[in-house]
PDB file of N, CA and C in Angstrom:
ATOM      1  N   MET A   1      -4.104  -1.699  22.422  1.00  0.00           N
ATOM      2  CA  MET A   1      -3.702  -2.015  21.072  1.00  0.00           C
ATOM      3  C   MET A   1      -2.191  -1.802  20.951  1.00  0.00           C
ATOM      4  N   ASP A   2      -1.512  -2.726  20.249  1.00  0.00           N
ATOM      5  CA  ASP A   2      -0.085  -2.599  20.012  1.00  0.00           C
ATOM      6  C   ASP A   2       0.206  -1.464  19.050  1.00  0.00           C
ATOM      7  N   GLU A   3       1.389  -0.889  19.197  1.00  0.00           N
ATOM      8  CA  GLU A   3       1.799   0.179  18.292  1.00  0.00           C
ATOM      9  C   GLU A   3       1.983  -0.358  16.868  1.00  0.00           C
ATOM     10  N   TYR A   4       2.435  -1.619  16.761  1.00  0.00           N
ATOM     11  CA  TYR A   4       2.672  -2.222  15.450  1.00  0.00           C
ATOM     12  C   TYR A   4       1.739  -3.399  15.236  1.00  0.00           C
ATOM     13  N   THR A   5       1.226  -3.516  14.021  1.00  0.00           N
ATOM     14  CA  THR A   5       0.321  -4.606  13.670  1.00  0.00           C
ATOM     15  C   THR A   5       0.598  -5.054  12.249  1.00  0.00           C
ATOM     16  N   TRP A   6       0.304  -6.307  11.965  1.00  0.00           N
ATOM     17  CA  TRP A   6       0.385  -6.830  10.606  1.00  0.00           C
ATOM     18  C   TRP A   6      -0.989  -6.708   9.968  1.00  0.00           C
ATOM     19  N   PRO A   7      -1.041  -6.466   8.666  1.00  0.00           N
ATOM     20  CA  PRO A   7      -2.347  -6.347   7.997  1.00  0.00           C
ATOM     21  C   PRO A   7      -2.968  -7.719   7.767  1.00  0.00           C
ATOM     22  N   THR A   8      -4.275  -7.737   7.644  1.00  0.00           N
ATOM     23  CA  THR A   8      -4.944  -8.949   7.184  1.00  0.00           C
ATOM     24  C   THR A   8      -5.117  -8.801   5.682  1.00  0.00           C
ATOM     25  N   ARG A   9      -4.873  -9.867   4.969  1.00  0.00           N
ATOM     26  CA  ARG A   9      -4.975  -9.827   3.516  1.00  0.00           C
ATOM     27  C   ARG A   9      -6.347 -10.329   3.092  1.00  0.00           C
ATOM     28  N   PRO A  10      -6.827  -9.840   1.925  1.00  0.00           N
ATOM     29  CA  PRO A  10      -8.095 -10.359   1.402  1.00  0.00           C
ATOM     30  C   PRO A  10      -7.964 -11.860   1.144  1.00  0.00           C
ATOM     31  N   ARG A  11      -9.030 -12.582   1.382  1.00  0.00           N
ATOM     32  CA  ARG A  11      -9.001 -14.035   1.132  1.00  0.00           C
ATOM     33  C   ARG A  11      -9.245 -14.290  -0.350  1.00  0.00           C
ATOM     34  N   VAL A  12      -8.256 -14.935  -0.960  1.00  0.00           N
ATOM     35  CA  VAL A  12      -8.330 -15.284  -2.376  1.00  0.00           C
ATOM     36  C   VAL A  12      -8.067 -16.781  -2.482  1.00  0.00           C
ATOM     37  N   PRO A  13      -8.946 -17.519  -3.182  1.00  0.00           N
ATOM     38  CA  PRO A  13      -8.695 -18.955  -3.348  1.00  0.00           C
ATOM     39  C   PRO A  13      -7.327 -19.191  -3.988  1.00  0.00           C
ATOM     40  N   ALA A  14      -6.606 -20.190  -3.519  1.00  0.00           N
ATOM     41  CA  ALA A  14      -5.246 -20.466  -3.991  1.00  0.00           C
ATOM     42  C   ALA A  14      -5.159 -20.571  -5.509  1.00  0.00           C
ATOM     43  N   GLU A  15      -6.147 -21.167  -6.121  1.00  0.00           N
ATOM     44  CA  GLU A  15      -6.105 -21.353  -7.578  1.00  0.00           C
ATOM     45  C   GLU A  15      -6.282 -20.032  -8.339  1.00  0.00           C
ATOM     46  N   ARG A  16      -6.733 -18.986  -7.668  1.00  0.00           N
ATOM     47  CA  ARG A  16      -6.933 -17.679  -8.319  1.00  0.00           C
ATOM     48  C   ARG A  16      -5.872 -16.652  -7.921  1.00  0.00           C
ATOM     49  N   TYR A  17      -4.971 -17.033  -7.042  1.00  0.00           N
ATOM     50  CA  TYR A  17      -4.014 -16.074  -6.480  1.00  0.00           C
ATOM     51  C   TYR A  17      -3.201 -15.362  -7.558  1.00  0.00           C
ATOM     52  N   GLN A  18      -2.599 -16.101  -8.484  1.00  0.00           N
ATOM     53  CA  GLN A  18      -1.787 -15.492  -9.544  1.00  0.00           C
ATOM     54  C   GLN A  18      -2.644 -14.622 -10.462  1.00  0.00           C
ATOM     55  N   GLU A  19      -3.838 -15.079 -10.770  1.00  0.00           N
ATOM     56  CA  GLU A  19      -4.768 -14.312 -11.610  1.00  0.00           C
ATOM     57  C   GLU A  19      -5.108 -12.967 -10.961  1.00  0.00           C
ATOM     58  N   VAL A  20      -5.364 -12.994  -9.676  1.00  0.00           N
ATOM     59  CA  VAL A  20      -5.702 -11.763  -8.947  1.00  0.00           C
ATOM     60  C   VAL A  20      -4.500 -10.818  -8.929  1.00  0.00           C
ATOM     61  N   TRP A  21      -3.290 -11.360  -8.710  1.00  0.00           N
ATOM     62  CA  TRP A  21      -2.095 -10.515  -8.687  1.00  0.00           C
ATOM     63  C   TRP A  21      -1.865  -9.877 -10.056  1.00  0.00           C
ATOM     64  N   GLU A  22      -2.015 -10.637 -11.134  1.00  0.00           N
ATOM     65  CA  GLU A  22      -1.837 -10.091 -12.481  1.00  0.00           C
ATOM     66  C   GLU A  22      -2.837  -8.970 -12.761  1.00  0.00           C
ATOM     67  N   ALA A  23      -4.069  -9.123 -12.300  1.00  0.00           N
ATOM     68  CA  ALA A  23      -5.084  -8.086 -12.480  1.00  0.00           C
ATOM     69  C   ALA A  23      -4.725  -6.833 -11.669  1.00  0.00           C
ATOM     70  N   THR A  24      -4.173  -7.028 -10.481  1.00  0.00           N
ATOM     71  CA  THR A  24      -3.757  -5.900  -9.638  1.00  0.00           C
ATOM     72  C   THR A  24      -2.643  -5.113 -10.330  1.00  0.00           C
ATOM     73  N   VAL A  25      -1.633  -5.808 -10.838  1.00  0.00           N
ATOM     74  CA  VAL A  25      -0.519  -5.146 -11.520  1.00  0.00           C
ATOM     75  C   VAL A  25      -1.022  -4.381 -12.747  1.00  0.00           C
ATOM     76  N   ALA A  26      -1.946  -4.987 -13.493  1.00  0.00           N
ATOM     77  CA  ALA A  26      -2.496  -4.324 -14.687  1.00  0.00           C
ATOM     78  C   ALA A  26      -3.288  -3.066 -14.307  1.00  0.00           C
ATOM     79  N   ALA A  27      -3.991  -3.109 -13.177  1.00  0.00           N
ATOM     80  CA  ALA A  27      -4.812  -1.971 -12.749  1.00  0.00           C
ATOM     81  C   ALA A  27      -3.986  -0.841 -12.147  1.00  0.00           C
ATOM     82  N   LEU A  28      -2.759  -1.164 -11.707  1.00  0.00           N
ATOM     83  CA  LEU A  28      -1.931  -0.185 -10.999  1.00  0.00           C
ATOM     84  C   LEU A  28      -0.531  -0.093 -11.599  1.00  0.00           C
ATOM     85  N   PRO A  29      -0.412   0.417 -12.830  1.00  0.00           N
ATOM     86  CA  PRO A  29       0.922   0.540 -13.422  1.00  0.00           C
ATOM     87  C   PRO A  29       1.781   1.547 -12.653  1.00  0.00           C
ATOM     88  N   LEU A  30       3.091   1.473 -12.862  1.00  0.00           N
ATOM     89  CA  LEU A  30       4.005   2.408 -12.212  1.00  0.00           C
ATOM     90  C   LEU A  30       3.571   3.836 -12.513  1.00  0.00           C
ATOM     91  N   GLY A  31       3.638   4.680 -11.493  1.00  0.00           N
ATOM     92  CA  GLY A  31       3.262   6.079 -11.642  1.00  0.00           C
ATOM     93  C   GLY A  31       1.808   6.378 -11.315  1.00  0.00           C
ATOM     94  N   THR A  32       1.000   5.343 -11.091  1.00  0.00           N
ATOM     95  CA  THR A  32      -0.412   5.540 -10.770  1.00  0.00           C
ATOM     96  C   THR A  32      -0.556   6.210  -9.398  1.00  0.00           C
ATOM     97  N   SER A  33      -1.388   7.226  -9.319  1.00  0.00           N
ATOM     98  CA  SER A  33      -1.718   7.849  -8.033  1.00  0.00           C
ATOM     99  C   SER A  33      -2.732   6.972  -7.324  1.00  0.00           C
ATOM    100  N   VAL A  34      -2.489   6.697  -6.044  1.00  0.00           N
ATOM    101  CA  VAL A  34      -3.375   5.842  -5.263  1.00  0.00           C
ATOM    102  C   VAL A  34      -3.646   6.477  -3.906  1.00  0.00           C
ATOM    103  N   SER A  35      -4.726   6.022  -3.287  1.00  0.00           N
ATOM    104  CA  SER A  35      -5.031   6.428  -1.919  1.00  0.00           C
ATOM    105  C   SER A  35      -5.665   5.230  -1.226  1.00  0.00           C
ATOM    106  N   GLY A  36      -5.683   5.270   0.091  1.00  0.00           N
ATOM    107  CA  GLY A  36      -6.287   4.176   0.824  1.00  0.00           C
ATOM    108  C   GLY A  36      -6.169   4.353   2.320  1.00  0.00           C
ATOM    109  N   GLU A  37      -6.603   3.315   3.036  1.00  0.00           N
ATOM    110  CA  GLU A  37      -6.630   3.329   4.498  1.00  0.00           C
ATOM    111  C   GLU A  37      -5.552   2.416   5.052  1.00  0.00           C
ATOM    112  N   VAL A  38      -4.793   2.918   6.029  1.00  0.00           N
ATOM    113  CA  VAL A  38      -3.733   2.144   6.668  1.00  0.00           C
ATOM    114  C   VAL A  38      -4.353   0.978   7.437  1.00  0.00           C
ATOM    115  N   ILE A  39      -3.865  -0.240   7.140  1.00  0.00           N
ATOM    116  CA  ILE A  39      -4.394  -1.449   7.780  1.00  0.00           C
ATOM    117  C   ILE A  39      -3.330  -2.205   8.573  1.00  0.00           C
ATOM    118  N   GLY A  40      -2.085  -1.729   8.538  1.00  0.00           N
ATOM    119  CA  GLY A  40      -1.013  -2.368   9.293  1.00  0.00           C
ATOM    120  C   GLY A  40       0.166  -1.426   9.430  1.00  0.00           C
ATOM    121  N   ARG A  41       0.862  -1.531  10.568  1.00  0.00           N
ATOM    122  CA  ARG A  41       2.026  -0.678  10.838  1.00  0.00           C
ATOM    123  C   ARG A  41       3.158  -1.539  11.342  1.00  0.00           C
ATOM    124  N   GLN A  42       4.350  -1.257  10.862  1.00  0.00           N
ATOM    125  CA  GLN A  42       5.570  -1.889  11.336  1.00  0.00           C
ATOM    126  C   GLN A  42       6.638  -0.813  11.411  1.00  0.00           C
ATOM    127  N   PRO A  43       7.732  -1.056  12.112  1.00  0.00           N
ATOM    128  CA  PRO A  43       8.769  -0.025  12.222  1.00  0.00           C
ATOM    129  C   PRO A  43       9.310   0.428  10.859  1.00  0.00           C
ATOM    130  N   PHE A  44       9.211  -0.428   9.852  1.00  0.00           N
ATOM    131  CA  PHE A  44       9.761  -0.110   8.531  1.00  0.00           C
ATOM    132  C   PHE A  44       8.774   0.576   7.599  1.00  0.00           C
ATOM    133  N   GLY A  45       7.482   0.686   7.981  1.00  0.00           N
ATOM    134  CA  GLY A  45       6.507   1.346   7.115  1.00  0.00           C
ATOM    135  C   GLY A  45       5.081   0.951   7.428  1.00  0.00           C
ATOM    136  N   VAL A  46       4.179   1.319   6.498  1.00  0.00           N
ATOM    137  CA  VAL A  46       2.758   1.014   6.687  1.00  0.00           C
ATOM    138  C   VAL A  46       2.205   0.249   5.491  1.00  0.00           C
ATOM    139  N   PHE A  47       1.224  -0.597   5.781  1.00  0.00           N
ATOM    140  CA  PHE A  47       0.479  -1.315   4.763  1.00  0.00           C
ATOM    141  C   PHE A  47      -0.882  -0.642   4.640  1.00  0.00           C
ATOM    142  N   PHE A  48      -1.384  -0.547   3.406  1.00  0.00           N
ATOM    143  CA  PHE A  48      -2.719   0.015   3.259  1.00  0.00           C
ATOM    144  C   PHE A  48      -3.453  -0.622   2.100  1.00  0.00           C
ATOM    145  N   ARG A  49      -4.792  -0.649   2.232  1.00  0.00           N
ATOM    146  CA  ARG A  49      -5.664  -1.119   1.148  1.00  0.00           C
ATOM    147  C   ARG A  49      -5.820   0.023   0.164  1.00  0.00           C
ATOM    148  N   ILE A  50      -5.733  -0.310  -1.121  1.00  0.00           N
ATOM    149  CA  ILE A  50      -5.836   0.708  -2.154  1.00  0.00           C
ATOM    150  C   ILE A  50      -7.290   0.853  -2.574  1.00  0.00           C
ATOM    151  N   ASP A  51      -7.792   2.073  -2.517  1.00  0.00           N
ATOM    152  CA  ASP A  51      -9.171   2.363  -2.917  1.00  0.00           C
ATOM    153  C   ASP A  51      -9.425   1.863  -4.340  1.00  0.00           C
ATOM    154  N   GLY A  52     -10.540   1.185  -4.532  1.00  0.00           N
ATOM    155  CA  GLY A  52     -10.955   0.749  -5.859  1.00  0.00           C
ATOM    156  C   GLY A  52     -10.303  -0.512  -6.377  1.00  0.00           C
ATOM    157  N   VAL A  53      -9.351  -1.069  -5.630  1.00  0.00           N
ATOM    158  CA  VAL A  53      -8.684  -2.312  -6.039  1.00  0.00           C
ATOM    159  C   VAL A  53      -8.738  -3.246  -4.828  1.00  0.00           C
ATOM    160  N   PRO A  54      -9.835  -3.986  -4.679  1.00  0.00           N
ATOM    161  CA  PRO A  54     -10.109  -4.707  -3.436  1.00  0.00           C
ATOM    162  C   PRO A  54      -9.070  -5.745  -3.008  1.00  0.00           C
ATOM    163  N   ASN A  55      -8.345  -6.345  -3.934  1.00  0.00           N
ATOM    164  CA  ASN A  55      -7.369  -7.367  -3.554  1.00  0.00           C
ATOM    165  C   ASN A  55      -5.956  -6.827  -3.395  1.00  0.00           C
ATOM    166  N   ALA A  56      -5.769  -5.528  -3.550  1.00  0.00           N
ATOM    167  CA  ALA A  56      -4.436  -4.942  -3.492  1.00  0.00           C
ATOM    168  C   ALA A  56      -4.055  -4.529  -2.080  1.00  0.00           C
ATOM    169  N   VAL A  57      -2.832  -4.892  -1.695  1.00  0.00           N
ATOM    170  CA  VAL A  57      -2.245  -4.414  -0.444  1.00  0.00           C
ATOM    171  C   VAL A  57      -0.976  -3.673  -0.825  1.00  0.00           C
ATOM    172  N   ALA A  58      -0.862  -2.446  -0.352  1.00  0.00           N
ATOM    173  CA  ALA A  58       0.304  -1.625  -0.652  1.00  0.00           C
ATOM    174  C   ALA A  58       1.201  -1.535   0.568  1.00  0.00           C
ATOM    175  N   LEU A  59       2.486  -1.346   0.303  1.00  0.00           N
ATOM    176  CA  LEU A  59       3.457  -1.089   1.350  1.00  0.00           C
ATOM    177  C   LEU A  59       4.152   0.221   1.037  1.00  0.00           C
ATOM    178  N   ALA A  60       4.147   1.120   1.997  1.00  0.00           N
ATOM    179  CA  ALA A  60       4.914   2.360   1.907  1.00  0.00           C
ATOM    180  C   ALA A  60       5.970   2.289   3.003  1.00  0.00           C
ATOM    181  N   GLU A  61       7.217   2.081   2.596  1.00  0.00           N
ATOM    182  CA  GLU A  61       8.309   1.997   3.560  1.00  0.00           C
ATOM    183  C   GLU A  61       8.690   3.399   4.031  1.00  0.00           C
ATOM    184  N   ILE A  62       9.284   3.480   5.221  1.00  0.00           N
ATOM    185  CA  ILE A  62       9.632   4.791   5.764  1.00  0.00           C
ATOM    186  C   ILE A  62      10.605   5.537   4.858  1.00  0.00           C
ATOM    187  N   ILE A  63      11.418   4.813   4.094  1.00  0.00           N
ATOM    188  CA  ILE A  63      12.352   5.493   3.191  1.00  0.00           C
ATOM    189  C   ILE A  63      11.633   6.106   1.989  1.00  0.00           C
ATOM    190  N   SER A  64      10.351   5.752   1.796  1.00  0.00           N
ATOM    191  CA  SER A  64       9.588   6.325   0.686  1.00  0.00           C
ATOM    192  C   SER A  64       8.509   7.293   1.176  1.00  0.00           C
ATOM    193  N   MET A  65       8.709   7.820   2.382  1.00  0.00           N
ATOM    194  CA  MET A  65       7.793   8.821   2.935  1.00  0.00           C
ATOM    195  C   MET A  65       8.494  10.175   2.918  1.00  0.00           C
ATOM    196  N   PRO A  66       7.729  11.250   2.819  1.00  0.00           N
ATOM    197  CA  PRO A  66       8.343  12.582   2.850  1.00  0.00           C
ATOM    198  C   PRO A  66       9.148  12.786   4.133  1.00  0.00           C
ATOM    199  N   GLU A  67      10.253  13.504   4.013  1.00  0.00           N
ATOM    200  CA  GLU A  67      11.098  13.776   5.169  1.00  0.00           C
ATOM    201  C   GLU A  67      10.291  14.433   6.276  1.00  0.00           C
ATOM    202  N   GLY A  68      10.429  13.918   7.484  1.00  0.00           N
ATOM    203  CA  GLY A  68       9.730  14.469   8.633  1.00  0.00           C
ATOM    204  C   GLY A  68       8.328  13.927   8.839  1.00  0.00           C
ATOM    205  N   MET A  69       7.841  13.133   7.888  1.00  0.00           N
ATOM    206  CA  MET A  69       6.496  12.557   8.040  1.00  0.00           C
ATOM    207  C   MET A  69       6.562  11.418   9.050  1.00  0.00           C
ATOM    208  N   GLY A  70       5.689  11.438  10.018  1.00  0.00           N
ATOM    209  CA  GLY A  70       5.628  10.356  10.977  1.00  0.00           C
ATOM    210  C   GLY A  70       4.935   9.145  10.377  1.00  0.00           C
ATOM    211  N   LEU A  71       5.055   8.024  11.039  1.00  0.00           N
ATOM    212  CA  LEU A  71       4.393   6.801  10.593  1.00  0.00           C
ATOM    213  C   LEU A  71       2.885   6.969  10.778  1.00  0.00           C
ATOM    214  N   PRO A  72       2.109   6.915   9.687  1.00  0.00           N
ATOM    215  CA  PRO A  72       0.653   7.084   9.813  1.00  0.00           C
ATOM    216  C   PRO A  72       0.041   6.036  10.742  1.00  0.00           C
ATOM    217  N   SER A  73      -1.001   6.407  11.432  1.00  0.00           N
ATOM    218  CA  SER A  73      -1.663   5.505  12.372  1.00  0.00           C
ATOM    219  C   SER A  73      -2.647   4.590  11.652  1.00  0.00           C
ATOM    220  N   LEU A  74      -3.046   3.521  12.329  1.00  0.00           N
ATOM    221  CA  LEU A  74      -4.068   2.622  11.777  1.00  0.00           C
ATOM    222  C   LEU A  74      -5.325   3.422  11.481  1.00  0.00           C
ATOM    223  N   GLY A  75      -5.911   3.180  10.335  1.00  0.00           N
ATOM    224  CA  GLY A  75      -7.126   3.869   9.946  1.00  0.00           C
ATOM    225  C   GLY A  75      -6.896   5.192   9.246  1.00  0.00           C
ATOM    226  N   ALA A  76      -5.653   5.694   9.254  1.00  0.00           N
ATOM    227  CA  ALA A  76      -5.358   6.969   8.587  1.00  0.00           C
ATOM    228  C   ALA A  76      -5.510   6.815   7.073  1.00  0.00           C
ATOM    229  N   ARG A  77      -5.879   7.894   6.417  1.00  0.00           N
ATOM    230  CA  ARG A  77      -5.956   7.934   4.955  1.00  0.00           C
ATOM    231  C   ARG A  77      -4.617   8.433   4.428  1.00  0.00           C
ATOM    232  N   VAL A  78      -4.084   7.752   3.419  1.00  0.00           N
ATOM    233  CA  VAL A  78      -2.807   8.131   2.822  1.00  0.00           C
ATOM    234  C   VAL A  78      -2.943   8.205   1.307  1.00  0.00           C
ATOM    235  N   ARG A  79      -2.024   8.971   0.684  1.00  0.00           N
ATOM    236  CA  ARG A  79      -1.987   9.088  -0.775  1.00  0.00           C
ATOM    237  C   ARG A  79      -0.548   8.939  -1.229  1.00  0.00           C
ATOM    238  N   GLY A  80      -0.395   8.388  -2.432  1.00  0.00           N
ATOM    239  CA  GLY A  80       0.950   8.241  -2.952  1.00  0.00           C
ATOM    240  C   GLY A  80       0.955   7.811  -4.399  1.00  0.00           C
ATOM    241  N   GLU A  81       2.110   7.283  -4.815  1.00  0.00           N
ATOM    242  CA  GLU A  81       2.327   6.899  -6.202  1.00  0.00           C
ATOM    243  C   GLU A  81       2.959   5.511  -6.245  1.00  0.00           C
ATOM    244  N   VAL A  82       2.463   4.654  -7.141  1.00  0.00           N
ATOM    245  CA  VAL A  82       3.011   3.309  -7.302  1.00  0.00           C
ATOM    246  C   VAL A  82       4.425   3.418  -7.866  1.00  0.00           C
ATOM    247  N   VAL A  83       5.394   2.788  -7.169  1.00  0.00           N
ATOM    248  CA  VAL A  83       6.786   2.825  -7.618  1.00  0.00           C
ATOM    249  C   VAL A  83       7.337   1.453  -7.964  1.00  0.00           C
ATOM    250  N   ALA A  84       6.648   0.379  -7.545  1.00  0.00           N
ATOM    251  CA  ALA A  84       7.129  -0.976  -7.850  1.00  0.00           C
ATOM    252  C   ALA A  84       6.044  -1.996  -7.546  1.00  0.00           C
ATOM    253  N   HIS A  85       6.246  -3.195  -8.105  1.00  0.00           N
ATOM    254  CA  HIS A  85       5.395  -4.350  -7.817  1.00  0.00           C
ATOM    255  C   HIS A  85       6.308  -5.464  -7.313  1.00  0.00           C
ATOM    256  N   ALA A  86       6.039  -5.978  -6.141  1.00  0.00           N
ATOM    257  CA  ALA A  86       6.853  -7.047  -5.562  1.00  0.00           C
ATOM    258  C   ALA A  86       6.150  -8.376  -5.814  1.00  0.00           C
ATOM    259  N   ASP A  87       6.562  -9.056  -6.882  1.00  0.00           N
ATOM    260  CA  ASP A  87       5.919 -10.317  -7.259  1.00  0.00           C
ATOM    261  C   ASP A  87       6.046 -11.400  -6.191  1.00  0.00           C
ATOM    262  N   HIS A  88       7.178 -11.432  -5.473  1.00  0.00           N
ATOM    263  CA  HIS A  88       7.411 -12.506  -4.509  1.00  0.00           C
ATOM    264  C   HIS A  88       6.422 -12.507  -3.347  1.00  0.00           C
ATOM    265  N   ASN A  89       5.842 -11.352  -3.013  1.00  0.00           N
ATOM    266  CA  ASN A  89       4.858 -11.333  -1.929  1.00  0.00           C
ATOM    267  C   ASN A  89       3.587 -10.570  -2.306  1.00  0.00           C
ATOM    268  N   CYS A  90       3.440 -10.286  -3.591  1.00  0.00           N
ATOM    269  CA  CYS A  90       2.226  -9.649  -4.127  1.00  0.00           C
ATOM    270  C   CYS A  90       1.887  -8.347  -3.412  1.00  0.00           C
ATOM    271  N   GLN A  91       2.893  -7.486  -3.304  1.00  0.00           N
ATOM    272  CA  GLN A  91       2.684  -6.167  -2.702  1.00  0.00           C
ATOM    273  C   GLN A  91       2.933  -5.088  -3.735  1.00  0.00           C
ATOM    274  N   VAL A  92       2.131  -4.054  -3.670  1.00  0.00           N
ATOM    275  CA  VAL A  92       2.320  -2.862  -4.484  1.00  0.00           C
ATOM    276  C   VAL A  92       3.125  -1.898  -3.619  1.00  0.00           C
ATOM    277  N   ARG A  93       4.282  -1.482  -4.107  1.00  0.00           N
ATOM    278  CA  ARG A  93       5.122  -0.553  -3.350  1.00  0.00           C
ATOM    279  C   ARG A  93       4.752   0.870  -3.742  1.00  0.00           C
ATOM    280  N   VAL A  94       4.600   1.730  -2.728  1.00  0.00           N
ATOM    281  CA  VAL A  94       4.111   3.093  -2.939  1.00  0.00           C
ATOM    282  C   VAL A  94       5.016   4.104  -2.236  1.00  0.00           C
ATOM    283  N   ARG A  95       5.233   5.236  -2.901  1.00  0.00           N
ATOM    284  CA  ARG A  95       5.900   6.389  -2.291  1.00  0.00           C
ATOM    285  C   ARG A  95       4.792   7.321  -1.840  1.00  0.00           C
ATOM    286  N   LEU A  96       4.743   7.630  -0.555  1.00  0.00           N
ATOM    287  CA  LEU A  96       3.677   8.488  -0.027  1.00  0.00           C
ATOM    288  C   LEU A  96       3.931   9.957  -0.317  1.00  0.00           C
ATOM    289  N   HIS A  97       2.838  10.712  -0.426  1.00  0.00           N
ATOM    290  CA  HIS A  97       2.866  12.168  -0.538  1.00  0.00           C
ATOM    291  C   HIS A  97       2.503  12.742   0.823  1.00  0.00           C
ATOM    292  N   GLU A  98       2.955  13.965   1.076  1.00  0.00           N
ATOM    293  CA  GLU A  98       2.566  14.626   2.316  1.00  0.00           C
ATOM    294  C   GLU A  98       1.059  14.830   2.313  1.00  0.00           C
ATOM    295  N   ALA A  99       0.472  14.805   3.484  1.00  0.00           N
ATOM    296  CA  ALA A  99      -0.974  15.029   3.591  1.00  0.00           C
ATOM    297  C   ALA A  99      -1.320  16.365   2.965  1.00  0.00           C
ATOM    298  N   GLY A 100      -2.276  16.353   2.051  1.00  0.00           N
ATOM    299  CA  GLY A 100      -2.725  17.565   1.408  1.00  0.00           C
ATOM    300  C   GLY A 100      -1.881  18.015   0.230  1.00  0.00           C
ATOM    301  N   ALA A 101      -0.723  17.357   0.000  1.00  0.00           N
ATOM    302  CA  ALA A 101       0.138  17.764  -1.099  1.00  0.00           C
ATOM    303  C   ALA A 101      -0.304  17.093  -2.399  1.00  0.00           C
ATOM    304  N   ALA A 102      -0.195  17.808  -3.482  1.00  0.00           N
ATOM    305  CA  ALA A 102      -0.522  17.247  -4.794  1.00  0.00           C
ATOM    306  C   ALA A 102       0.665  16.466  -5.314  1.00  0.00           C
ATOM    307  N   PRO A 103       0.438  15.356  -6.034  1.00  0.00           N
ATOM    308  CA  PRO A 103       1.545  14.613  -6.632  1.00  0.00           C
ATOM    309  C   PRO A 103       2.333  15.502  -7.589  1.00  0.00           C
ATOM    310  N   GLU A 104       3.658  15.276  -7.633  1.00  0.00           N
ATOM    311  CA  GLU A 104       4.509  16.060  -8.535  1.00  0.00           C
ATOM    312  C   GLU A 104       4.518  15.453  -9.918  1.00  0.00           C
TER     313      GLU A 104
END
């Protein structure tokens, strides 16, 4: 297995894509605590599926990870906070928390 992988996205019919993204943004306002499973890794961060929001894909960039935290492996469970919504590629941007740490 390669060290880096791209995530697979949920299949959404083209005519429903914008509707699904709007529902995702409404379900995950800024500041929302989220958790999920890492489904993709790149040198710049990790992608993960957000628990309870089946069409959501989150990106946690390395600059939004706690200092000294390594890049989580595929299948790892992560927790964090929604910090932005990237409309151009329908990604929820997340700042990760240290494993076991409570959100501030």
